[in-house]
Amino acid sequence: MKLYVYKTPDQDKGDPGVHCTFVDEDGRKSSTFFSSPPESISHVDKGYLKDRFTNVQTEKQAVFIKERFSNEIKRLKDSVSPDIEFLKELQTELNAQETDHQGAPRFWSIMDYKWRITENGHHDRVSLFHPDSGEAITLDEYVDEILNGDRNTEFDEEQIEELKENKEYFQELIEDWIIEHDDDEYHFLYEEKDYFIAWNSVFFTKQEAKDHLESNAHHYSDEAHTFAMTAWRAPKMERLMKVLYETNWDSIKEFQYDS
């Protein structure tokens, strides 16, 4: 004998009802539906079960159904597959999160930036490279060091005042000032900010991307942030995301007990 307790795929997501199918010793089947299933039917008699299951003939069959029904209802309510529970929680998050103006199927990555050498006139900043120390400092940091007094013993007041005035006008004037007044030899590096998608960064949800960025901040710059994209012309990805967004995972929970 067997008893199946299950939900069907066409049931509404919030429908508490369950289907029950009883298979007797000869393989004959009959089914019934409990719209509000009780935790136990141990109190019912054989006549009640015969009205529910047309192939119930013996007391042994009735006892089997009553015992197995309680076990299967408890399992159905309390022993949800961890994988199904995960998919349900993921689906809730997917449907509730922001889209960041990206069409489906969408996913998230991490966008970061790096400085790349370019030509003068196409740059976003200038850095000074000191060949002896092998270190570099931005032009703004260099000027601030001097105007804040960190290097006031290396330049006189007139030179510092000139630098202060040049700061208000053109970058080229500052470069000329450095060449004329600083005894150290610097190479001027013209750099532009180059944005890029970080390697190995693919996430189903925006929150997961945020969590990754927070726990792995040491691998990224201070300006790194989440970035949504659409998997364009990717039919398998589109189908998978549709499954994750729309499947009624409650309907997947089906249990069987063999005698």
C-alpha atoms as a PDB file:
ATOM      1  CA  MET A   1       0.000   0.000   0.000  1.00  0.00           C
ATOM      2  CA  LYS A   2       1.030   3.564  -0.639  1.00  0.00           C
ATOM      3  CA  LEU A   3      -0.241   6.974   0.335  1.00  0.00           C
ATOM      4  CA  TYR A   4       0.719  10.132  -1.546  1.00  0.00           C
ATOM      5  CA  VAL A   5       0.146  13.570  -0.036  1.00  0.00           C
ATOM      6  CA  TYR A   6       1.013  16.436  -2.368  1.00  0.00           C
ATOM      7  CA  LYS A   7       0.242  19.787  -3.944  1.00  0.00           C
ATOM      8  CA  THR A   8      -0.246  20.234  -7.683  1.00  0.00           C
ATOM      9  CA  PRO A   9       1.494  22.836  -9.869  1.00  0.00           C
ATOM     10  CA  ASP A  10      -1.798  24.560 -10.757  1.00  0.00           C
ATOM     11  CA  GLN A  11      -2.658  25.345  -7.119  1.00  0.00           C
ATOM     12  CA  ASP A  12      -2.515  28.970  -6.029  1.00  0.00           C
ATOM     13  CA  LYS A  13       0.606  29.864  -4.079  1.00  0.00           C
ATOM     14  CA  GLY A  14      -1.316  30.426  -0.849  1.00  0.00           C
ATOM     15  CA  ASP A  15      -3.679  27.462  -1.170  1.00  0.00           C
ATOM     16  CA  PRO A  16      -3.304  25.288   1.985  1.00  0.00           C
ATOM     17  CA  GLY A  17      -5.119  22.332   0.461  1.00  0.00           C
ATOM     18  CA  VAL A  18      -3.495  18.972  -0.273  1.00  0.00           C
ATOM     19  CA  HIS A  19      -4.293  16.091  -2.584  1.00  0.00           C
ATOM     20  CA  CYS A  20      -4.181  12.535  -1.266  1.00  0.00           C
ATOM     21  CA  THR A  21      -3.926   9.393  -3.373  1.00  0.00           C
ATOM     22  CA  PHE A  22      -4.293   5.922  -1.843  1.00  0.00           C
ATOM     23  CA  VAL A  23      -2.932   2.886  -3.725  1.00  0.00           C
ATOM     24  CA  ASP A  24      -4.165  -0.442  -2.336  1.00  0.00           C
ATOM     25  CA  GLU A  25      -2.497  -3.869  -2.387  1.00  0.00           C
ATOM     26  CA  ASP A  26      -3.804  -4.598  -5.888  1.00  0.00           C
ATOM     27  CA  GLY A  27      -2.544  -1.285  -7.328  1.00  0.00           C
ATOM     28  CA  ARG A  28      -5.974   0.340  -7.506  1.00  0.00           C
ATOM     29  CA  LYS A  29      -5.949   4.112  -6.909  1.00  0.00           C
ATOM     30  CA  SER A  30      -8.388   6.653  -5.576  1.00  0.00           C
ATOM     31  CA  SER A  31      -7.861  10.278  -4.649  1.00  0.00           C
ATOM     32  CA  THR A  32      -9.393  13.003  -2.528  1.00  0.00           C
ATOM     33  CA  PHE A  33      -8.700  16.648  -1.729  1.00  0.00           C
ATOM     34  CA  PHE A  34      -8.502  18.256   1.726  1.00  0.00           C
ATOM     35  CA  SER A  35      -9.064  21.996   1.366  1.00  0.00           C
ATOM     36  CA  SER A  36      -8.020  22.602   5.000  1.00  0.00           C
ATOM     37  CA  PRO A  37      -6.103  19.487   5.974  1.00  0.00           C
ATOM     38  CA  PRO A  38      -6.139  18.595   9.676  1.00  0.00           C
ATOM     39  CA  GLU A  39      -3.000  17.422  11.404  1.00  0.00           C
ATOM     40  CA  SER A  40      -4.622  14.059  12.076  1.00  0.00           C
ATOM     41  CA  ILE A  41      -7.562  11.942  10.926  1.00  0.00           C
ATOM     42  CA  SER A  42      -7.026   9.229  13.536  1.00  0.00           C
ATOM     43  CA  HIS A  43     -10.512   9.830  14.973  1.00  0.00           C
ATOM     44  CA  VAL A  44     -12.431   9.001  11.757  1.00  0.00           C
ATOM     45  CA  ASP A  45     -13.925   5.590  10.986  1.00  0.00           C
ATOM     46  CA  LYS A  46     -13.632   3.323   7.965  1.00  0.00           C
ATOM     47  CA  GLY A  47     -16.915   4.652   6.529  1.00  0.00           C
ATOM     48  CA  TYR A  48     -15.519   8.209   6.375  1.00  0.00           C
ATOM     49  CA  LEU A  49     -12.388   6.999   4.611  1.00  0.00           C
ATOM     50  CA  LYS A  50     -14.425   4.890   2.186  1.00  0.00           C
ATOM     51  CA  ASP A  51     -16.360   8.020   1.222  1.00  0.00           C
ATOM     52  CA  ARG A  52     -12.987   9.740   0.584  1.00  0.00           C
ATOM     53  CA  PHE A  53     -11.178   6.804  -1.032  1.00  0.00           C
ATOM     54  CA  THR A  54     -13.428   4.485  -3.054  1.00  0.00           C
ATOM     55  CA  ASN A  55     -10.964   1.560  -2.913  1.00  0.00           C
ATOM     56  CA  VAL A  56     -10.902   1.331   0.894  1.00  0.00           C
ATOM     57  CA  GLN A  57     -12.384  -2.059   1.861  1.00  0.00           C
ATOM     58  CA  THR A  58     -10.693  -3.278   5.046  1.00  0.00           C
ATOM     59  CA  GLU A  59      -9.919  -2.019   8.512  1.00  0.00           C
ATOM     60  CA  LYS A  60      -6.226  -2.632   7.825  1.00  0.00           C
ATOM     61  CA  GLN A  61      -6.362  -0.170   4.948  1.00  0.00           C
ATOM     62  CA  ALA A  62      -8.149   2.410   7.107  1.00  0.00           C
ATOM     63  CA  VAL A  63      -5.545   2.116   9.875  1.00  0.00           C
ATOM     64  CA  PHE A  64      -2.748   2.464   7.315  1.00  0.00           C
ATOM     65  CA  ILE A  65      -4.239   5.656   5.819  1.00  0.00           C
ATOM     66  CA  LYS A  66      -4.843   7.273   9.224  1.00  0.00           C
ATOM     67  CA  GLU A  67      -1.296   6.598  10.409  1.00  0.00           C
ATOM     68  CA  ARG A  68       0.391   7.624   7.193  1.00  0.00           C
ATOM     69  CA  PHE A  69      -1.760  10.741   6.720  1.00  0.00           C
ATOM     70  CA  SER A  70      -0.587  12.245  10.033  1.00  0.00           C
ATOM     71  CA  ASN A  71       3.061  11.517   9.214  1.00  0.00           C
ATOM     72  CA  GLU A  72       2.830  13.011   5.725  1.00  0.00           C
ATOM     73  CA  ILE A  73       0.970  16.149   6.800  1.00  0.00           C
ATOM     74  CA  LYS A  74       3.590  16.807   9.469  1.00  0.00           C
ATOM     75  CA  ARG A  75       6.377  16.246   6.965  1.00  0.00           C
ATOM     76  CA  LEU A  76       4.691  18.478   4.414  1.00  0.00           C
ATOM     77  CA  LYS A  77       4.345  21.335   6.895  1.00  0.00           C
ATOM     78  CA  ASP A  78       7.515  21.008   8.944  1.00  0.00           C
ATOM     79  CA  SER A  79      10.100  19.323   6.753  1.00  0.00           C
ATOM     80  CA  VAL A  80      10.326  21.618   3.757  1.00  0.00           C
ATOM     81  CA  SER A  81      13.360  20.829   1.615  1.00  0.00           C
ATOM     82  CA  PRO A  82      16.196  23.305   2.391  1.00  0.00           C
ATOM     83  CA  ASP A  83      16.677  23.741  -1.352  1.00  0.00           C
ATOM     84  CA  ILE A  84      13.014  24.608  -1.898  1.00  0.00           C
ATOM     85  CA  GLU A  85      13.090  27.007   1.043  1.00  0.00           C
ATOM     86  CA  PHE A  86      16.176  28.668  -0.424  1.00  0.00           C
ATOM     87  CA  LEU A  87      14.455  29.055  -3.806  1.00  0.00           C
ATOM     88  CA  LYS A  88      11.369  30.566  -2.185  1.00  0.00           C
ATOM     89  CA  GLU A  89      13.457  33.114  -0.273  1.00  0.00           C
ATOM     90  CA  LEU A  90      15.479  33.923  -3.390  1.00  0.00           C
ATOM     91  CA  GLN A  91      12.300  34.416  -5.405  1.00  0.00           C
ATOM     92  CA  THR A  92      10.924  36.830  -2.814  1.00  0.00           C
ATOM     93  CA  GLU A  93      14.140  38.843  -2.889  1.00  0.00           C
ATOM     94  CA  LEU A  94      14.302  38.843  -6.698  1.00  0.00           C
ATOM     95  CA  ASN A  95      10.759  40.148  -7.066  1.00  0.00           C
ATOM     96  CA  ALA A  96      11.107  42.804  -4.352  1.00  0.00           C
ATOM     97  CA  GLN A  97      14.496  44.298  -5.253  1.00  0.00           C
ATOM     98  CA  GLU A  98      15.238  47.366  -7.358  1.00  0.00           C
ATOM     99  CA  THR A  99      15.874  46.880 -11.072  1.00  0.00           C
ATOM    100  CA  ASP A 100      18.375  49.746 -11.413  1.00  0.00           C
ATOM    101  CA  HIS A 101      16.670  50.506 -14.732  1.00  0.00           C
ATOM    102  CA  GLN A 102      17.838  47.229 -16.298  1.00  0.00           C
ATOM    103  CA  GLY A 103      15.571  44.879 -18.213  1.00  0.00           C
ATOM    104  CA  ALA A 104      15.252  41.164 -17.530  1.00  0.00           C
ATOM    105  CA  PRO A 105      17.131  38.902 -17.312  1.00  0.00           C
ATOM    106  CA  ARG A 106      19.246  41.093 -15.041  1.00  0.00           C
ATOM    107  CA  PHE A 107      22.168  40.386 -12.760  1.00  0.00           C
ATOM    108  CA  TRP A 108      24.605  42.419 -10.689  1.00  0.00           C
ATOM    109  CA  SER A 109      28.351  42.887 -10.762  1.00  0.00           C
ATOM    110  CA  ILE A 110      30.880  45.181  -9.122  1.00  0.00           C
ATOM    111  CA  MET A 111      32.080  48.232 -11.007  1.00  0.00           C
ATOM    112  CA  ASP A 112      35.437  49.656  -9.986  1.00  0.00           C
ATOM    113  CA  TYR A 113      38.018  51.984 -11.485  1.00  0.00           C
ATOM    114  CA  LYS A 114      41.735  52.283 -12.024  1.00  0.00           C
ATOM    115  CA  TRP A 115      44.019  55.055 -13.223  1.00  0.00           C
ATOM    116  CA  ARG A 116      45.421  54.620 -16.720  1.00  0.00           C
ATOM    117  CA  ILE A 117      48.224  56.604 -18.360  1.00  0.00           C
ATOM    118  CA  THR A 118      46.986  58.826 -21.197  1.00  0.00           C
ATOM    119  CA  GLU A 119      48.066  61.910 -23.134  1.00  0.00           C
ATOM    120  CA  ASN A 120      48.214  65.450 -21.775  1.00  0.00           C
ATOM    121  CA  GLY A 121      44.879  67.074 -22.443  1.00  0.00           C
ATOM    122  CA  HIS A 122      42.897  63.833 -22.106  1.00  0.00           C
ATOM    123  CA  HIS A 123      43.613  63.320 -18.437  1.00  0.00           C
ATOM    124  CA  ASP A 124      41.546  63.498 -15.251  1.00  0.00           C
ATOM    125  CA  ARG A 125      44.527  64.033 -12.954  1.00  0.00           C
ATOM    126  CA  VAL A 126      48.295  64.518 -12.924  1.00  0.00           C
ATOM    127  CA  SER A 127      50.676  62.502 -10.757  1.00  0.00           C
ATOM    128  CA  LEU A 128      54.349  63.107 -10.003  1.00  0.00           C
ATOM    129  CA  PHE A 129      56.588  60.062 -10.195  1.00  0.00           C
ATOM    130  CA  HIS A 130      59.888  60.194  -8.310  1.00  0.00           C
ATOM    131  CA  PRO A 131      62.325  57.822 -10.063  1.00  0.00           C
ATOM    132  CA  ASP A 132      64.697  57.565  -7.090  1.00  0.00           C
ATOM    133  CA  SER A 133      62.055  56.482  -4.557  1.00  0.00           C
ATOM    134  CA  GLY A 134      59.812  54.719  -7.069  1.00  0.00           C
ATOM    135  CA  GLU A 135      56.790  56.427  -5.510  1.00  0.00           C
ATOM    136  CA  ALA A 136      54.116  58.631  -7.031  1.00  0.00           C
ATOM    137  CA  ILE A 137      51.999  61.421  -5.607  1.00  0.00           C
ATOM    138  CA  THR A 138      49.116  63.298  -7.210  1.00  0.00           C
ATOM    139  CA  LEU A 139      49.620  66.929  -8.154  1.00  0.00           C
ATOM    140  CA  ASP A 140      46.937  68.006  -5.671  1.00  0.00           C
ATOM    141  CA  GLU A 141      48.638  66.067  -2.862  1.00  0.00           C
ATOM    142  CA  TYR A 142      52.000  67.616  -3.772  1.00  0.00           C
ATOM    143  CA  VAL A 143      50.612  71.165  -3.659  1.00  0.00           C
ATOM    144  CA  ASP A 144      48.754  70.539  -0.384  1.00  0.00           C
ATOM    145  CA  GLU A 145      51.931  69.212   1.268  1.00  0.00           C
ATOM    146  CA  ILE A 146      53.727  72.478   0.550  1.00  0.00           C
ATOM    147  CA  LEU A 147      50.844  74.849   1.332  1.00  0.00           C
ATOM    148  CA  ASN A 148      50.089  72.997   4.574  1.00  0.00           C
ATOM    149  CA  GLY A 149      53.646  73.590   5.751  1.00  0.00           C
ATOM    150  CA  ASP A 150      54.936  70.002   5.505  1.00  0.00           C
ATOM    151  CA  ARG A 151      57.837  71.174   3.280  1.00  0.00           C
ATOM    152  CA  ASN A 152      58.165  74.818   4.290  1.00  0.00           C
ATOM    153  CA  THR A 153      61.924  74.471   4.896  1.00  0.00           C
ATOM    154  CA  GLU A 154      62.518  73.648   1.232  1.00  0.00           C
ATOM    155  CA  PHE A 155      60.917  76.779  -0.233  1.00  0.00           C
ATOM    156  CA  ASP A 156      60.878  80.467   0.741  1.00  0.00           C
ATOM    157  CA  GLU A 157      57.742  82.514   1.365  1.00  0.00           C
ATOM    158  CA  GLU A 158      57.833  84.109  -2.071  1.00  0.00           C
ATOM    159  CA  GLN A 159      57.926  80.727  -3.802  1.00  0.00           C
ATOM    160  CA  ILE A 160      55.100  79.376  -1.649  1.00  0.00           C
ATOM    161  CA  GLU A 161      52.981  82.469  -2.356  1.00  0.00           C
ATOM    162  CA  GLU A 162      53.618  82.019  -6.073  1.00  0.00           C
ATOM    163  CA  LEU A 163      52.510  78.393  -5.858  1.00  0.00           C
ATOM    164  CA  LYS A 164      49.368  79.431  -4.020  1.00  0.00           C
ATOM    165  CA  GLU A 165      48.501  81.890  -6.785  1.00  0.00           C
ATOM    166  CA  ASN A 166      49.237  79.368  -9.526  1.00  0.00           C
ATOM    167  CA  LYS A 167      46.891  76.871  -7.870  1.00  0.00           C
ATOM    168  CA  GLU A 168      43.976  79.185  -8.579  1.00  0.00           C
ATOM    169  CA  TYR A 169      44.673  79.293 -12.311  1.00  0.00           C
ATOM    170  CA  PHE A 170      46.194  76.621 -14.501  1.00  0.00           C
ATOM    171  CA  GLN A 171      47.756  73.225 -13.939  1.00  0.00           C
ATOM    172  CA  GLU A 172      50.518  74.098 -16.419  1.00  0.00           C
ATOM    173  CA  LEU A 173      51.665  76.958 -14.161  1.00  0.00           C
ATOM    174  CA  ILE A 174      52.064  74.519 -11.270  1.00  0.00           C
ATOM    175  CA  GLU A 175      54.108  72.165 -13.443  1.00  0.00           C
ATOM    176  CA  ASP A 176      56.360  75.057 -14.485  1.00  0.00           C
ATOM    177  CA  TRP A 177      56.714  76.040 -10.812  1.00  0.00           C
ATOM    178  CA  ILE A 178      57.815  72.500  -9.861  1.00  0.00           C
ATOM    179  CA  ILE A 179      60.396  72.372 -12.635  1.00  0.00           C
ATOM    180  CA  GLU A 180      61.788  75.758 -11.627  1.00  0.00           C
ATOM    181  CA  HIS A 181      61.768  75.527  -7.822  1.00  0.00           C
ATOM    182  CA  ASP A 182      61.857  71.865  -6.741  1.00  0.00           C
ATOM    183  CA  ASP A 183      65.308  70.312  -6.731  1.00  0.00           C
ATOM    184  CA  ASP A 184      63.834  66.812  -6.961  1.00  0.00           C
ATOM    185  CA  GLU A 185      63.370  65.390 -10.413  1.00  0.00           C
ATOM    186  CA  TYR A 186      59.826  64.276 -11.208  1.00  0.00           C
ATOM    187  CA  HIS A 187      58.165  62.666 -14.189  1.00  0.00           C
ATOM    188  CA  PHE A 188      54.707  64.024 -14.906  1.00  0.00           C
ATOM    189  CA  LEU A 189      52.106  61.261 -15.402  1.00  0.00           C
ATOM    190  CA  TYR A 190      48.837  62.193 -17.091  1.00  0.00           C
ATOM    191  CA  GLU A 191      46.110  59.762 -16.048  1.00  0.00           C
ATOM    192  CA  GLU A 192      42.460  59.165 -16.804  1.00  0.00           C
ATOM    193  CA  LYS A 193      39.952  57.270 -14.671  1.00  0.00           C
ATOM    194  CA  ASP A 194      39.113  53.969 -16.340  1.00  0.00           C
ATOM    195  CA  TYR A 195      35.972  52.205 -15.121  1.00  0.00           C
ATOM    196  CA  PHE A 196      35.682  48.425 -15.442  1.00  0.00           C
ATOM    197  CA  ILE A 197      33.606  45.446 -14.323  1.00  0.00           C
ATOM    198  CA  ALA A 198      35.520  43.508 -11.670  1.00  0.00           C
ATOM    199  CA  TRP A 199      36.546  39.984 -12.599  1.00  0.00           C
ATOM    200  CA  ASN A 200      34.548  37.082 -11.125  1.00  0.00           C
ATOM    201  CA  SER A 201      31.708  39.283  -9.890  1.00  0.00           C
ATOM    202  CA  VAL A 202      28.264  37.922 -10.823  1.00  0.00           C
ATOM    203  CA  PHE A 203      25.319  38.030  -8.413  1.00  0.00           C
ATOM    204  CA  PHE A 204      21.620  37.178  -8.689  1.00  0.00           C
ATOM    205  CA  THR A 205      20.608  39.961  -6.298  1.00  0.00           C
ATOM    206  CA  LYS A 206      21.757  43.499  -5.594  1.00  0.00           C
ATOM    207  CA  GLN A 207      21.935  42.791  -1.857  1.00  0.00           C
ATOM    208  CA  GLU A 208      24.310  39.882  -2.416  1.00  0.00           C
ATOM    209  CA  ALA A 209      26.545  42.187  -4.480  1.00  0.00           C
ATOM    210  CA  LYS A 210      26.477  44.773  -1.666  1.00  0.00           C
ATOM    211  CA  ASP A 211      27.327  42.142   0.936  1.00  0.00           C
ATOM    212  CA  HIS A 212      30.216  40.882  -1.187  1.00  0.00           C
ATOM    213  CA  LEU A 213      31.568  44.397  -1.628  1.00  0.00           C
ATOM    214  CA  GLU A 214      31.358  45.116   2.089  1.00  0.00           C
ATOM    215  CA  SER A 215      33.102  41.907   3.167  1.00  0.00           C
ATOM    216  CA  ASN A 216      35.771  42.133   0.446  1.00  0.00           C
ATOM    217  CA  ALA A 217      36.370  45.877   0.451  1.00  0.00           C
ATOM    218  CA  HIS A 218      40.131  45.359   0.658  1.00  0.00           C
ATOM    219  CA  HIS A 219      40.065  44.031  -2.919  1.00  0.00           C
ATOM    220  CA  TYR A 220      38.385  47.141  -4.329  1.00  0.00           C
ATOM    221  CA  SER A 221      38.858  50.890  -4.458  1.00  0.00           C
ATOM    222  CA  ASP A 222      36.847  53.284  -2.295  1.00  0.00           C
ATOM    223  CA  GLU A 223      34.642  54.136  -5.283  1.00  0.00           C
ATOM    224  CA  ALA A 224      33.619  50.564  -6.159  1.00  0.00           C
ATOM    225  CA  HIS A 225      29.856  50.011  -6.306  1.00  0.00           C
ATOM    226  CA  THR A 226      27.212  47.556  -7.468  1.00  0.00           C
ATOM    227  CA  PHE A 227      26.283  47.633 -11.134  1.00  0.00           C
ATOM    228  CA  ALA A 228      23.261  46.008 -12.805  1.00  0.00           C
ATOM    229  CA  MET A 229      23.358  44.555 -16.321  1.00  0.00           C
ATOM    230  CA  THR A 230      21.034  42.690 -18.645  1.00  0.00           C
ATOM    231  CA  ALA A 231      22.044  39.320 -20.084  1.00  0.00           C
ATOM    232  CA  TRP A 232      21.343  40.359 -23.670  1.00  0.00           C
ATOM    233  CA  ARG A 233      20.333  37.653 -26.152  1.00  0.00           C
ATOM    234  CA  ALA A 234      21.014  34.872 -23.647  1.00  0.00           C
ATOM    235  CA  PRO A 235      17.937  32.581 -23.982  1.00  0.00           C
ATOM    236  CA  LYS A 236      19.082  29.988 -21.426  1.00  0.00           C
ATOM    237  CA  MET A 237      19.816  32.682 -18.869  1.00  0.00           C
ATOM    238  CA  GLU A 238      16.445  34.275 -19.619  1.00  0.00           C
ATOM    239  CA  ARG A 239      14.630  30.977 -19.133  1.00  0.00           C
ATOM    240  CA  LEU A 240      16.469  30.213 -15.884  1.00  0.00           C
ATOM    241  CA  MET A 241      15.633  33.651 -14.460  1.00  0.00           C
ATOM    242  CA  LYS A 242      11.984  33.215 -15.471  1.00  0.00           C
ATOM    243  CA  VAL A 243      11.926  29.943 -13.521  1.00  0.00           C
ATOM    244  CA  LEU A 244      13.437  31.629 -10.469  1.00  0.00           C
ATOM    245  CA  TYR A 245      11.033  34.572 -10.655  1.00  0.00           C
ATOM    246  CA  GLU A 246       7.756  32.762 -11.404  1.00  0.00           C
ATOM    247  CA  THR A 247       7.770  29.117 -10.251  1.00  0.00           C
ATOM    248  CA  ASN A 248       5.339  28.196  -7.477  1.00  0.00           C
ATOM    249  CA  TRP A 249       7.864  26.366  -5.317  1.00  0.00           C
ATOM    250  CA  ASP A 250       5.165  25.284  -2.845  1.00  0.00           C
ATOM    251  CA  SER A 251       3.735  23.059  -5.562  1.00  0.00           C
ATOM    252  CA  ILE A 252       7.008  21.099  -5.793  1.00  0.00           C
ATOM    253  CA  LYS A 253       6.619  19.640  -2.301  1.00  0.00           C
ATOM    254  CA  GLU A 254       5.314  16.091  -2.757  1.00  0.00           C
ATOM    255  CA  PHE A 255       5.721  13.219  -0.311  1.00  0.00           C
ATOM    256  CA  GLN A 256       5.260   9.489  -0.603  1.00  0.00           C
ATOM    257  CA  TYR A 257       5.178   6.744   2.032  1.00  0.00           C
ATOM    258  CA  ASP A 258       5.402   3.048   1.161  1.00  0.00           C
ATOM    259  CA  SER A 259       4.035   0.325   3.441  1.00  0.00           C
END
